[in-house]
Amino acid sequence: MPLLLGYNTNGLAHHRWDEAIVLIAEAGYRSVALTVDHHCLAPLSPTLRDDVAKLKRLLDQYQLHCVIETGARFLLDPRRKHQPTLLSATNEDRACRLQFLNYCIDLAAEVSADAISFWSGTPRDPADADVLWSRLRAGCAALLKEAERQQVRLAFEPEPGMFLETCDQYARLHDQLRHPLFGLTLDVGHVHCLQDGDIADRIRQFAPHLFNLHIEDMQPGVHEHLRFGQGSMKFPPILQALREVDYSYGVHVELSRHSHMAPEMLQESFRFLSSCAAEV
């Protein structure tokens, strides 16, 4: 099965979202990771219904798979990056994040997306670990009710610097929830950055639950998404492992800090990954 190469729209932040999808498709990608943001299908947008209809037409026209990404930096709070979260101290703040994620589940169902991708967030209060785990489990359990109603996969992403940042922490959460719709977004650069095991082995370990994959280059110990070739990662073994496990969802390039050169990055990344795929 050929790999389903894709690109995250957060790497085209200076483009209109519909033009970003066209550029992604024209570069040869077959999947789009759509980051909901101020300018892209925001929940209270006055043009939302028209935009959803346009998104469905574009996905159909270009025969693209889709994942709904929820990691916009200041969408819910203009003063606090990535806040509020499922870990927030108040019920009101946690409900705000839940409402947004439920909206994204509904959007994913409407456009037949492969999954929605989300993370734990970072705590802002001094609650101990047990309390934070309890908040996170409760939030994920609430999301699963909506996901089950809509039959949408949830893909949880461990993120460096957040409360859940490693694959083993994700495995603990997965074991506690034990739901077939609760899976993993694996960012292979994060595994490399944290030296969180061998990437290919992690792919094999989590293959039954792997619903989404992010890819970029990175250096150990530094959470900075780099152009391919500027880090120290080896990509043929990663792509080989994905083929071994018959991974059928998107392999999404995530270069959000390269939006100022997005057209170049689209082409460069596609050539690089296609070349690596040809080697295996």
Protein backbone atom coordinates (compact mmCIF):
# COMPACT_ATOMS: atom_id res chain seq x y z
CA MET A 1 0.00 0.00 0.00
CA PRO A 2 1.51 3.40 -0.96
CA LEU A 3 2.05 5.87 1.85
CA LEU A 4 -0.56 8.61 2.13
CA LEU A 5 1.65 11.69 2.22
CA GLY A 6 -0.01 14.81 3.59
CA TYR A 7 0.67 18.34 4.84
CA ASN A 8 -0.63 20.38 7.78
CA THR A 9 -2.33 23.67 6.94
CA ASN A 10 -0.58 25.28 9.91
CA GLY A 11 2.41 25.33 7.55
CA LEU A 12 0.48 27.64 5.21
CA ALA A 13 -0.65 30.15 7.84
CA HIS A 14 -0.27 33.09 5.44
CA HIS A 15 -2.55 31.52 2.81
CA ARG A 16 -6.32 31.38 2.71
CA TRP A 17 -7.28 27.92 3.93
CA ASP A 18 -9.00 26.89 0.69
CA GLU A 19 -6.00 27.98 -1.39
CA ALA A 20 -3.76 26.07 1.03
CA ILE A 21 -5.69 22.87 0.30
CA VAL A 22 -5.36 23.43 -3.44
CA LEU A 23 -1.59 23.97 -3.11
CA ILE A 24 -1.24 20.85 -0.98
CA ALA A 25 -3.12 18.77 -3.56
CA GLU A 26 -1.26 20.24 -6.53
CA ALA A 27 2.08 19.42 -4.88
CA GLY A 28 1.08 15.74 -4.95
CA TYR A 29 -0.10 15.15 -1.38
CA ARG A 30 -3.10 12.91 -0.82
CA SER A 31 -4.07 14.01 2.67
CA VAL A 32 -4.50 17.30 4.50
CA ALA A 33 -4.19 17.91 8.24
CA LEU A 34 -6.56 20.84 8.64
CA THR A 35 -5.79 23.04 11.66
CA VAL A 36 -8.93 24.84 12.79
CA ASP A 37 -7.92 28.44 13.50
CA HIS A 38 -9.16 32.03 13.44
CA HIS A 39 -9.06 32.08 9.65
CA CYS A 40 -9.96 28.44 9.08
CA LEU A 41 -13.42 27.07 10.00
CA ALA A 42 -13.47 28.71 13.42
CA PRO A 43 -16.56 27.68 15.42
CA LEU A 44 -18.20 31.14 15.45
CA SER A 45 -17.28 32.14 11.90
CA PRO A 46 -20.22 33.82 10.13
CA THR A 47 -19.30 31.92 6.95
CA LEU A 48 -18.97 28.53 8.65
CA ARG A 49 -21.70 26.64 6.78
CA ASP A 50 -20.45 27.86 3.41
CA ASP A 51 -16.88 27.05 4.40
CA VAL A 52 -17.75 23.50 5.45
CA ALA A 53 -19.51 22.98 2.12
CA LYS A 54 -16.44 24.34 0.31
CA LEU A 55 -14.16 22.04 2.32
CA LYS A 56 -16.24 19.01 1.36
CA ARG A 57 -16.11 20.02 -2.32
CA LEU A 58 -12.33 20.46 -2.23
CA LEU A 59 -11.70 17.14 -0.49
CA ASP A 60 -13.91 15.43 -3.04
CA GLN A 61 -12.47 17.27 -6.03
CA TYR A 62 -8.86 16.39 -5.15
CA GLN A 63 -9.67 13.01 -3.56
CA LEU A 64 -7.95 13.98 -0.32
CA HIS A 65 -8.05 12.30 3.05
CA CYS A 66 -8.35 14.67 5.99
CA VAL A 67 -7.54 14.92 9.69
CA ILE A 68 -8.91 17.74 11.84
CA GLU A 69 -6.12 19.28 13.92
CA THR A 70 -6.90 21.24 17.08
CA GLY A 71 -3.55 22.79 18.08
CA ALA A 72 -4.11 26.43 17.07
CA ARG A 73 -2.09 28.63 19.40
CA PHE A 74 -4.43 31.46 20.45
CA LEU A 75 -7.84 30.42 19.16
CA LEU A 76 -9.57 30.06 22.54
CA ASP A 77 -7.67 32.70 24.50
CA PRO A 78 -5.86 35.63 22.84
CA ARG A 79 -3.55 36.09 25.84
CA ARG A 80 -2.51 32.49 26.65
CA LYS A 81 -1.02 30.16 24.07
CA HIS A 82 -2.80 26.79 23.84
CA GLN A 83 -5.12 27.64 26.74
CA PRO A 84 -7.51 26.64 28.21
CA THR A 85 -6.99 22.86 28.14
CA LEU A 86 -8.44 19.64 29.48
CA LEU A 87 -6.15 20.20 32.50
CA SER A 88 -7.31 23.71 33.38
CA ALA A 89 -8.13 24.42 37.01
CA THR A 90 -11.71 25.57 36.57
CA ASN A 91 -14.70 23.67 35.25
CA GLU A 92 -15.46 26.63 33.00
CA ASP A 93 -12.06 26.52 31.30
CA ARG A 94 -12.12 22.75 30.85
CA ALA A 95 -15.64 23.02 29.42
CA CYS A 96 -14.40 25.63 26.95
CA ARG A 97 -11.78 23.19 25.57
CA LEU A 98 -14.30 20.34 25.55
CA GLN A 99 -16.80 22.42 23.64
CA PHE A 100 -14.17 23.23 21.03
CA LEU A 101 -13.04 19.61 20.70
CA ASN A 102 -16.66 18.45 20.41
CA TYR A 103 -17.12 20.99 17.64
CA CYS A 104 -14.10 19.49 15.88
CA ILE A 105 -15.56 15.99 16.26
CA ASP A 106 -18.77 17.19 14.62
CA LEU A 107 -16.76 18.84 11.83
CA ALA A 108 -14.76 15.64 11.32
CA ALA A 109 -17.96 13.63 11.02
CA GLU A 110 -19.40 16.04 8.48
CA VAL A 111 -16.37 15.89 6.17
CA SER A 112 -15.63 12.18 6.81
CA ALA A 113 -12.21 12.94 8.30
CA ASP A 114 -9.98 10.06 9.37
CA ALA A 115 -9.67 11.45 12.92
CA ILE A 116 -9.35 14.54 15.06
CA SER A 117 -5.97 15.11 16.69
CA PHE A 118 -5.54 16.71 20.13
CA TRP A 119 -3.17 16.84 23.11
CA SER A 120 -3.27 17.19 26.90
CA GLY A 121 -2.04 20.73 27.20
CA THR A 122 0.14 22.15 29.97
CA PRO A 123 -1.16 22.73 33.52
CA ARG A 124 -1.18 26.30 34.81
CA ASP A 125 -2.06 25.56 38.46
CA PRO A 126 -0.04 23.62 41.09
CA ALA A 127 -2.34 20.58 41.15
CA ASP A 128 -0.56 17.29 41.79
CA ALA A 129 -0.17 14.63 39.12
CA ASP A 130 -3.10 12.50 40.32
CA VAL A 131 -5.49 15.44 39.99
CA LEU A 132 -4.19 16.25 36.52
CA TRP A 133 -4.56 12.64 35.42
CA SER A 134 -8.12 12.67 36.74
CA ARG A 135 -8.97 15.83 34.79
CA LEU A 136 -7.45 14.44 31.63
CA ARG A 137 -9.23 11.08 31.90
CA ALA A 138 -12.55 12.80 32.54
CA GLY A 139 -12.08 15.07 29.55
CA CYS A 140 -11.14 12.23 27.23
CA ALA A 141 -14.06 10.13 28.49
CA ALA A 142 -16.44 13.01 27.76
CA LEU A 143 -14.98 13.38 24.26
CA LEU A 144 -15.40 9.68 23.63
CA LYS A 145 -19.14 9.98 24.19
CA GLU A 146 -19.40 12.45 21.31
CA ALA A 147 -16.89 10.50 19.23
CA GLU A 148 -18.91 7.33 19.71
CA ARG A 149 -22.12 9.11 18.72
CA GLN A 150 -20.50 10.41 15.55
CA GLN A 151 -18.17 7.41 14.97
CA VAL A 152 -15.11 9.64 14.76
CA ARG A 153 -11.63 8.49 15.78
CA LEU A 154 -9.74 10.45 18.43
CA ALA A 155 -5.97 10.64 17.93
CA PHE A 156 -4.13 11.79 21.06
CA GLU A 157 -0.73 13.41 20.54
CA PRO A 158 2.04 13.28 23.17
CA GLU A 159 3.74 16.68 22.96
CA PRO A 160 7.12 17.74 24.42
CA GLY A 161 6.66 20.10 27.34
CA MET A 162 3.02 19.18 27.91
CA PHE A 163 1.62 17.03 30.71
CA LEU A 164 1.61 13.95 28.48
CA GLU A 165 4.71 14.03 26.33
CA THR A 166 5.92 10.44 25.93
CA CYS A 167 4.63 7.33 24.23
CA ASP A 168 4.55 5.42 27.51
CA GLN A 169 2.36 8.10 29.08
CA TYR A 170 0.00 7.80 26.12
CA ALA A 171 -0.04 4.01 26.60
CA ARG A 172 -1.05 4.50 30.25
CA LEU A 173 -3.93 6.78 29.22
CA HIS A 174 -5.01 4.39 26.48
CA ASP A 175 -5.02 1.47 28.92
CA GLN A 176 -7.19 3.44 31.33
CA LEU A 177 -9.74 4.44 28.67
CA ARG A 178 -9.75 1.22 26.63
CA HIS A 179 -11.89 2.43 23.76
CA PRO A 180 -11.47 1.45 20.09
CA LEU A 181 -11.98 5.05 18.95
CA PHE A 182 -9.18 6.36 21.19
CA GLY A 183 -5.90 6.17 19.31
CA LEU A 184 -2.62 7.94 18.76
CA THR A 185 -1.17 10.82 16.78
CA LEU A 186 2.52 9.93 16.65
CA ASP A 187 4.85 12.81 15.85
CA VAL A 188 8.04 11.02 14.90
CA GLY A 189 10.10 14.16 15.53
CA HIS A 190 8.84 14.27 19.11
CA VAL A 191 10.05 10.71 19.68
CA HIS A 192 13.47 11.72 18.35
CA CYS A 193 13.55 14.99 20.31
CA LEU A 194 12.76 13.27 23.62
CA GLN A 195 14.84 10.18 22.77
CA ASP A 196 11.66 8.30 23.58
CA GLY A 197 12.67 4.97 22.05
CA ASP A 198 13.32 3.84 18.50
CA ILE A 199 10.80 5.45 16.15
CA ALA A 200 10.28 2.37 13.99
CA ASP A 201 9.73 0.25 17.10
CA ARG A 202 7.20 2.76 18.42
CA ILE A 203 5.32 2.54 15.11
CA ARG A 204 5.19 -1.24 15.39
CA GLN A 205 4.19 -1.06 19.07
CA PHE A 206 1.24 1.25 18.49
CA ALA A 207 0.24 0.12 15.00
CA PRO A 208 -3.32 -0.99 15.99
CA HIS A 209 -4.01 2.42 17.53
CA LEU A 210 -2.10 4.68 15.11
CA PHE A 211 -4.65 7.01 13.50
CA ASN A 212 -2.45 9.96 12.49
CA LEU A 213 1.24 10.68 11.97
CA HIS A 214 3.24 13.92 11.94
CA ILE A 215 6.65 14.05 10.31
CA GLU A 216 9.49 16.56 10.07
CA ASP A 217 13.21 16.63 10.91
CA MET A 218 14.45 17.35 14.42
CA GLN A 219 17.48 17.24 16.70
CA PRO A 220 17.62 15.38 20.04
CA GLY A 221 16.72 17.58 22.99
CA VAL A 222 15.37 20.48 20.92
CA HIS A 223 11.66 20.74 20.15
CA GLU A 224 12.03 22.58 16.86
CA HIS A 225 10.39 21.34 13.66
CA LEU A 226 13.06 21.45 10.95
CA ARG A 227 13.17 21.06 7.19
CA PHE A 228 14.10 17.58 6.08
CA GLY A 229 17.88 17.25 6.08
CA GLN A 230 18.45 19.90 8.76
CA GLY A 231 18.04 17.50 11.67
CA SER A 232 19.56 14.14 12.52
CA MET A 233 16.66 11.79 11.81
CA LYS A 234 16.83 8.76 9.49
CA PHE A 235 13.63 8.46 7.49
CA PRO A 236 13.79 5.24 5.40
CA PRO A 237 13.43 3.02 8.54
CA ILE A 238 10.41 5.09 9.61
CA LEU A 239 8.69 4.72 6.26
CA GLN A 240 9.62 1.03 6.13
CA ALA A 241 7.96 0.45 9.51
CA LEU A 242 4.80 2.22 8.33
CA ARG A 243 4.65 -0.11 5.35
CA GLU A 244 5.34 -3.17 7.49
CA VAL A 245 2.30 -2.43 9.67
CA ASP A 246 0.10 -1.47 6.68
CA TYR A 247 -0.47 2.02 8.04
CA SER A 248 -3.28 3.50 5.95
CA TYR A 249 -3.77 7.02 7.34
CA GLY A 250 -1.98 10.28 6.61
CA VAL A 251 1.74 10.95 7.00
CA HIS A 252 1.49 14.70 7.56
CA VAL A 253 4.41 17.10 7.25
CA GLU A 254 4.27 19.65 10.09
CA LEU A 255 6.33 22.79 9.48
CA SER A 256 4.24 25.54 11.04
CA ARG A 257 7.19 27.92 11.40
CA HIS A 258 7.96 27.75 7.69
CA SER A 259 4.73 29.32 6.51
CA HIS A 260 6.63 32.26 5.03
CA MET A 261 8.09 29.85 2.46
CA ALA A 262 5.21 27.39 2.23
CA PRO A 263 5.15 26.81 -1.56
CA GLU A 264 8.85 25.90 -1.48
CA MET A 265 8.41 23.69 1.58
CA LEU A 266 5.50 21.82 0.00
CA GLN A 267 7.58 20.86 -3.01
CA GLU A 268 10.82 20.22 -1.11
CA SER A 269 9.15 18.00 1.51
CA PHE A 270 7.21 16.00 -1.06
CA ARG A 271 10.35 15.32 -3.09
CA PHE A 272 12.27 14.27 0.02
CA LEU A 273 9.64 11.89 1.35
CA SER A 274 8.89 10.45 -2.07
CA SER A 275 12.59 9.73 -2.53
CA CYS A 276 12.82 8.06 0.87
CA ALA A 277 9.71 6.01 0.14
CA ALA A 278 11.24 4.84 -3.12
CA GLU A 279 14.24 3.49 -1.19
CA VAL A 280 12.02 1.14 0.80
